[in-house]
Amino acid sequence: MTDIRGYYDQSYPPDILRPPTVPDPSITSLAPNTAVAGSGPVTVTVTGTDFVAGSVIEINQSAVPTTFVSATNLTTSYDPLTVGDKTFTVRNGGSGGEESNPSSFTVTASE
């Protein structure tokens, strides 16, 4: 009978058994960071660091369709319907992943 106990321990390096690490994203700016309520959709560019393919922009903790541009830029189309400050964050790795610092987007009333 062959002893197979050491086969798995020696065949795979320890790193292959660990889940991959997901970087902590960080937001440095939003462009634009203001809009007028009811003015229609605007493309918002989120600039920061450590974005990954699969990063998701969240507005007030709700995920929105996100386009990955690069490790430093993401975009989304946002339709500002209600007046007030909205909180943008970026999450890497799905709903349980690492979350960025918050960044404020202000929606003003039309004049």
N, C-alpha and C. Protein backbone atom coordinates (compact mmCIF):
# COMPACT_ATOMS: atom_id res chain seq x y z
N MET A 1 0.85 -1.17 0.00
CA MET A 1 0.00 0.00 0.00
C MET A 1 0.89 1.24 0.00
N THR A 2 0.54 2.23 -0.82
CA THR A 2 1.33 3.45 -0.94
C THR A 2 0.84 4.49 0.06
N ASP A 3 1.79 5.15 0.71
CA ASP A 3 1.45 6.21 1.66
C ASP A 3 1.28 7.52 0.87
N ILE A 4 0.05 8.10 0.85
CA ILE A 4 -0.20 9.31 0.07
C ILE A 4 -0.30 10.57 0.93
N ARG A 5 -0.05 10.45 2.22
CA ARG A 5 -0.18 11.61 3.09
C ARG A 5 0.67 12.79 2.64
N GLY A 6 1.89 12.55 2.27
CA GLY A 6 2.79 13.64 1.89
C GLY A 6 2.56 14.15 0.48
N TYR A 7 1.79 13.45 -0.33
CA TYR A 7 1.60 13.84 -1.72
C TYR A 7 1.00 15.23 -1.84
N TYR A 8 -0.10 15.49 -1.17
CA TYR A 8 -0.76 16.79 -1.28
C TYR A 8 0.04 17.88 -0.59
N ASP A 9 0.65 17.56 0.54
CA ASP A 9 1.44 18.55 1.26
C ASP A 9 2.63 19.04 0.44
N GLN A 10 3.25 18.15 -0.32
CA GLN A 10 4.46 18.51 -1.06
C GLN A 10 4.18 18.93 -2.50
N SER A 11 3.05 18.59 -3.04
CA SER A 11 2.77 18.86 -4.45
C SER A 11 2.31 20.29 -4.69
N TYR A 12 1.65 20.88 -3.74
CA TYR A 12 1.12 22.22 -3.92
C TYR A 12 1.83 23.19 -2.99
N PRO A 13 2.36 24.28 -3.53
CA PRO A 13 2.96 25.26 -2.63
C PRO A 13 1.88 25.82 -1.70
N PRO A 14 2.24 26.21 -0.51
CA PRO A 14 1.24 26.69 0.45
C PRO A 14 0.40 27.84 -0.08
N ASP A 15 0.96 28.71 -0.93
CA ASP A 15 0.22 29.86 -1.44
C ASP A 15 -0.97 29.48 -2.31
N ILE A 16 -0.93 28.34 -2.94
CA ILE A 16 -2.02 27.95 -3.82
C ILE A 16 -3.28 27.62 -3.01
N LEU A 17 -3.12 27.31 -1.76
CA LEU A 17 -4.26 26.96 -0.91
C LEU A 17 -4.87 28.18 -0.23
N ARG A 18 -4.16 29.32 -0.24
CA ARG A 18 -4.69 30.54 0.37
C ARG A 18 -5.54 31.30 -0.63
N PRO A 19 -6.61 31.91 -0.17
CA PRO A 19 -7.39 32.73 -1.11
C PRO A 19 -6.56 33.96 -1.51
N PRO A 20 -6.76 34.45 -2.74
CA PRO A 20 -6.01 35.62 -3.16
C PRO A 20 -6.40 36.84 -2.32
N THR A 21 -5.46 37.72 -2.11
CA THR A 21 -5.77 38.93 -1.35
C THR A 21 -6.37 39.96 -2.29
N VAL A 22 -7.28 40.74 -1.77
CA VAL A 22 -7.94 41.79 -2.53
C VAL A 22 -7.46 43.11 -1.95
N PRO A 23 -6.94 44.00 -2.81
CA PRO A 23 -6.44 45.27 -2.28
C PRO A 23 -7.55 46.16 -1.75
N ASP A 24 -7.20 47.05 -0.85
CA ASP A 24 -8.14 48.04 -0.33
C ASP A 24 -8.20 49.20 -1.32
N PRO A 25 -9.35 49.44 -1.96
CA PRO A 25 -9.44 50.56 -2.89
C PRO A 25 -9.49 51.88 -2.14
N SER A 26 -9.12 52.95 -2.82
CA SER A 26 -9.16 54.27 -2.23
C SER A 26 -9.62 55.27 -3.28
N ILE A 27 -10.55 56.16 -2.91
CA ILE A 27 -11.03 57.20 -3.82
C ILE A 27 -10.29 58.49 -3.52
N THR A 28 -9.78 59.13 -4.58
CA THR A 28 -9.15 60.45 -4.42
C THR A 28 -10.05 61.57 -4.95
N SER A 29 -10.91 61.27 -5.95
CA SER A 29 -11.81 62.31 -6.46
C SER A 29 -12.94 61.72 -7.29
N LEU A 30 -13.99 62.55 -7.45
CA LEU A 30 -15.10 62.26 -8.34
C LEU A 30 -15.17 63.40 -9.36
N ALA A 31 -15.43 63.07 -10.62
CA ALA A 31 -15.57 64.13 -11.62
C ALA A 31 -16.73 63.80 -12.53
N PRO A 32 -17.77 64.62 -12.55
CA PRO A 32 -17.98 65.75 -11.66
C PRO A 32 -18.37 65.26 -10.27
N ASN A 33 -18.39 66.19 -9.31
CA ASN A 33 -18.81 65.82 -7.96
C ASN A 33 -20.08 66.57 -7.54
N THR A 34 -20.71 67.24 -8.52
CA THR A 34 -22.00 67.90 -8.29
C THR A 34 -22.86 67.76 -9.54
N ALA A 35 -24.17 67.86 -9.35
CA ALA A 35 -25.12 67.85 -10.46
C ALA A 35 -26.41 68.49 -9.97
N VAL A 36 -27.26 68.86 -10.92
CA VAL A 36 -28.56 69.45 -10.61
C VAL A 36 -29.61 68.35 -10.67
N ALA A 37 -30.47 68.29 -9.64
CA ALA A 37 -31.53 67.28 -9.60
C ALA A 37 -32.40 67.39 -10.84
N GLY A 38 -32.69 66.26 -11.44
CA GLY A 38 -33.56 66.22 -12.60
C GLY A 38 -32.91 66.63 -13.91
N SER A 39 -31.60 66.84 -13.91
CA SER A 39 -30.91 67.29 -15.13
C SER A 39 -30.60 66.15 -16.09
N GLY A 40 -30.84 64.93 -15.68
CA GLY A 40 -30.56 63.78 -16.53
C GLY A 40 -29.27 63.10 -16.14
N PRO A 41 -29.03 61.92 -16.71
CA PRO A 41 -27.85 61.14 -16.34
C PRO A 41 -26.54 61.87 -16.65
N VAL A 42 -25.57 61.66 -15.78
CA VAL A 42 -24.23 62.20 -15.95
C VAL A 42 -23.24 61.05 -15.76
N THR A 43 -22.18 61.05 -16.55
CA THR A 43 -21.14 60.04 -16.37
C THR A 43 -20.18 60.54 -15.30
N VAL A 44 -20.06 59.77 -14.24
CA VAL A 44 -19.17 60.13 -13.13
C VAL A 44 -17.92 59.25 -13.22
N THR A 45 -16.76 59.90 -13.21
CA THR A 45 -15.49 59.19 -13.19
C THR A 45 -14.97 59.18 -11.76
N VAL A 46 -14.73 58.01 -11.23
CA VAL A 46 -14.16 57.85 -9.90
C VAL A 46 -12.66 57.59 -10.07
N THR A 47 -11.84 58.46 -9.49
CA THR A 47 -10.40 58.32 -9.58
C THR A 47 -9.88 57.90 -8.22
N GLY A 48 -8.91 56.99 -8.21
CA GLY A 48 -8.35 56.52 -6.95
C GLY A 48 -7.22 55.54 -7.20
N THR A 49 -7.09 54.59 -6.29
CA THR A 49 -6.03 53.59 -6.39
C THR A 49 -6.57 52.21 -6.05
N ASP A 50 -5.88 51.20 -6.57
CA ASP A 50 -6.15 49.80 -6.28
C ASP A 50 -7.53 49.31 -6.71
N PHE A 51 -8.05 49.86 -7.82
CA PHE A 51 -9.27 49.31 -8.40
C PHE A 51 -8.89 48.06 -9.19
N VAL A 52 -9.79 47.10 -9.23
CA VAL A 52 -9.55 45.84 -9.96
C VAL A 52 -10.72 45.58 -10.89
N ALA A 53 -10.48 44.73 -11.90
CA ALA A 53 -11.59 44.30 -12.74
C ALA A 53 -12.61 43.65 -11.79
N GLY A 54 -13.82 44.08 -11.84
CA GLY A 54 -14.83 43.59 -10.90
C GLY A 54 -15.10 44.55 -9.76
N SER A 55 -14.34 45.64 -9.66
CA SER A 55 -14.65 46.68 -8.66
C SER A 55 -16.04 47.23 -8.97
N VAL A 56 -16.77 47.58 -7.92
CA VAL A 56 -18.12 48.09 -8.08
C VAL A 56 -18.25 49.42 -7.34
N ILE A 57 -18.81 50.41 -8.04
CA ILE A 57 -19.14 51.68 -7.40
C ILE A 57 -20.45 51.49 -6.66
N GLU A 58 -20.51 52.02 -5.43
CA GLU A 58 -21.74 52.01 -4.66
C GLU A 58 -22.14 53.44 -4.37
N ILE A 59 -23.42 53.73 -4.52
CA ILE A 59 -23.95 55.06 -4.18
C ILE A 59 -24.92 54.85 -3.03
N ASN A 60 -24.61 55.47 -1.90
CA ASN A 60 -25.41 55.27 -0.68
C ASN A 60 -25.60 53.78 -0.40
N GLN A 61 -24.53 53.02 -0.52
CA GLN A 61 -24.44 51.60 -0.20
C GLN A 61 -25.18 50.68 -1.17
N SER A 62 -25.61 51.22 -2.34
CA SER A 62 -26.25 50.38 -3.36
C SER A 62 -25.33 50.31 -4.57
N ALA A 63 -25.03 49.09 -5.00
CA ALA A 63 -24.16 48.89 -6.15
C ALA A 63 -24.83 49.41 -7.41
N VAL A 64 -24.04 50.04 -8.28
CA VAL A 64 -24.53 50.54 -9.56
C VAL A 64 -23.67 49.96 -10.67
N PRO A 65 -24.20 49.89 -11.91
CA PRO A 65 -23.39 49.39 -13.02
C PRO A 65 -22.09 50.20 -13.12
N THR A 66 -20.98 49.49 -13.21
CA THR A 66 -19.66 50.12 -13.17
C THR A 66 -18.82 49.65 -14.35
N THR A 67 -18.10 50.59 -14.94
CA THR A 67 -17.15 50.26 -16.01
C THR A 67 -15.75 50.41 -15.46
N PHE A 68 -14.98 49.32 -15.55
CA PHE A 68 -13.57 49.35 -15.13
C PHE A 68 -12.77 49.95 -16.29
N VAL A 69 -12.08 51.06 -16.01
CA VAL A 69 -11.25 51.71 -17.02
C VAL A 69 -9.79 51.34 -16.78
N SER A 70 -9.37 51.45 -15.52
CA SER A 70 -7.99 51.11 -15.15
C SER A 70 -7.92 50.94 -13.64
N ALA A 71 -6.74 50.65 -13.13
CA ALA A 71 -6.55 50.49 -11.69
C ALA A 71 -6.75 51.80 -10.94
N THR A 72 -6.88 52.90 -11.70
CA THR A 72 -7.07 54.21 -11.06
C THR A 72 -8.36 54.92 -11.49
N ASN A 73 -9.14 54.32 -12.41
CA ASN A 73 -10.37 54.96 -12.88
C ASN A 73 -11.50 53.97 -13.11
N LEU A 74 -12.68 54.35 -12.61
CA LEU A 74 -13.92 53.64 -12.85
C LEU A 74 -14.94 54.67 -13.30
N THR A 75 -15.97 54.25 -14.06
CA THR A 75 -17.04 55.17 -14.42
C THR A 75 -18.39 54.53 -14.18
N THR A 76 -19.40 55.40 -14.01
CA THR A 76 -20.78 54.97 -13.91
C THR A 76 -21.66 56.08 -14.43
N SER A 77 -22.86 55.72 -14.87
CA SER A 77 -23.85 56.71 -15.26
C SER A 77 -24.77 56.91 -14.07
N TYR A 78 -24.90 58.16 -13.63
CA TYR A 78 -25.71 58.45 -12.45
C TYR A 78 -26.77 59.48 -12.80
N ASP A 79 -28.02 59.21 -12.46
CA ASP A 79 -29.13 60.12 -12.71
C ASP A 79 -29.54 60.77 -11.39
N PRO A 80 -29.12 62.01 -11.15
CA PRO A 80 -29.40 62.67 -9.87
C PRO A 80 -30.85 63.14 -9.79
N LEU A 81 -31.67 62.40 -9.10
CA LEU A 81 -33.09 62.72 -9.03
C LEU A 81 -33.49 63.50 -7.78
N THR A 82 -32.78 63.30 -6.68
CA THR A 82 -33.16 63.95 -5.43
C THR A 82 -32.02 64.81 -4.89
N VAL A 83 -32.38 65.95 -4.30
CA VAL A 83 -31.41 66.89 -3.75
C VAL A 83 -30.76 66.31 -2.50
N GLY A 84 -29.48 66.56 -2.34
CA GLY A 84 -28.76 66.14 -1.14
C GLY A 84 -27.40 65.58 -1.46
N ASP A 85 -26.67 65.24 -0.41
CA ASP A 85 -25.35 64.64 -0.57
C ASP A 85 -25.49 63.14 -0.73
N LYS A 86 -24.79 62.59 -1.70
CA LYS A 86 -24.76 61.16 -1.95
C LYS A 86 -23.35 60.67 -1.64
N THR A 87 -23.25 59.48 -1.07
CA THR A 87 -21.96 58.91 -0.71
C THR A 87 -21.55 57.87 -1.74
N PHE A 88 -20.41 58.11 -2.40
CA PHE A 88 -19.84 57.16 -3.35
C PHE A 88 -18.74 56.38 -2.65
N THR A 89 -18.73 55.07 -2.84
CA THR A 89 -17.64 54.22 -2.38
C THR A 89 -17.34 53.22 -3.50
N VAL A 90 -16.20 52.55 -3.40
CA VAL A 90 -15.84 51.49 -4.33
C VAL A 90 -15.59 50.25 -3.51
N ARG A 91 -16.10 49.12 -4.01
CA ARG A 91 -15.91 47.85 -3.32
C ARG A 91 -15.19 46.89 -4.26
N ASN A 92 -14.12 46.30 -3.76
CA ASN A 92 -13.38 45.26 -4.50
C ASN A 92 -13.79 43.90 -3.96
N GLY A 93 -14.01 42.96 -4.84
CA GLY A 93 -14.25 41.58 -4.40
C GLY A 93 -15.67 41.26 -4.02
N GLY A 94 -16.65 41.93 -4.58
CA GLY A 94 -18.04 41.58 -4.32
C GLY A 94 -18.56 42.18 -3.03
N SER A 95 -19.74 41.74 -2.60
CA SER A 95 -20.42 42.35 -1.47
C SER A 95 -19.66 42.20 -0.15
N GLY A 96 -18.81 41.20 -0.04
CA GLY A 96 -18.04 41.03 1.19
C GLY A 96 -16.62 41.56 1.07
N GLY A 97 -16.32 42.23 -0.05
CA GLY A 97 -14.96 42.68 -0.31
C GLY A 97 -14.58 43.95 0.41
N GLU A 98 -13.37 44.39 0.12
CA GLU A 98 -12.83 45.59 0.74
C GLU A 98 -13.53 46.83 0.19
N GLU A 99 -13.84 47.78 1.09
CA GLU A 99 -14.54 49.01 0.71
C GLU A 99 -13.61 50.20 0.86
N SER A 100 -13.75 51.15 -0.07
CA SER A 100 -12.93 52.36 -0.05
C SER A 100 -13.45 53.36 0.97
N ASN A 101 -12.70 54.44 1.08
CA ASN A 101 -13.17 55.60 1.83
C ASN A 101 -14.36 56.22 1.10
N PRO A 102 -15.25 56.91 1.80
CA PRO A 102 -16.38 57.56 1.13
C PRO A 102 -15.97 58.86 0.45
N SER A 103 -16.68 59.20 -0.61
CA SER A 103 -16.48 60.48 -1.29
C SER A 103 -17.86 61.07 -1.57
N SER A 104 -18.00 62.37 -1.37
CA SER A 104 -19.30 63.01 -1.44
C SER A 104 -19.61 63.56 -2.83
N PHE A 105 -20.86 63.35 -3.26
CA PHE A 105 -21.40 63.88 -4.50
C PHE A 105 -22.63 64.68 -4.12
N THR A 106 -22.68 65.97 -4.50
CA THR A 106 -23.77 66.84 -4.08
C THR A 106 -24.74 67.06 -5.21
N VAL A 107 -26.03 66.83 -4.93
CA VAL A 107 -27.09 67.09 -5.89
C VAL A 107 -27.84 68.32 -5.40
N THR A 108 -27.88 69.37 -6.26
CA THR A 108 -28.52 70.63 -5.89
C THR A 108 -29.87 70.77 -6.60
N ALA A 109 -30.69 71.70 -6.10
CA ALA A 109 -31.97 71.98 -6.72
C ALA A 109 -31.75 72.86 -7.94
N SER A 110 -32.64 72.72 -8.92
CA SER A 110 -32.55 73.58 -10.09
C SER A 110 -32.97 75.00 -9.69
N GLU A 111 -32.41 75.97 -10.37
CA GLU A 111 -32.70 77.38 -10.02
C GLU A 111 -33.90 77.89 -10.74
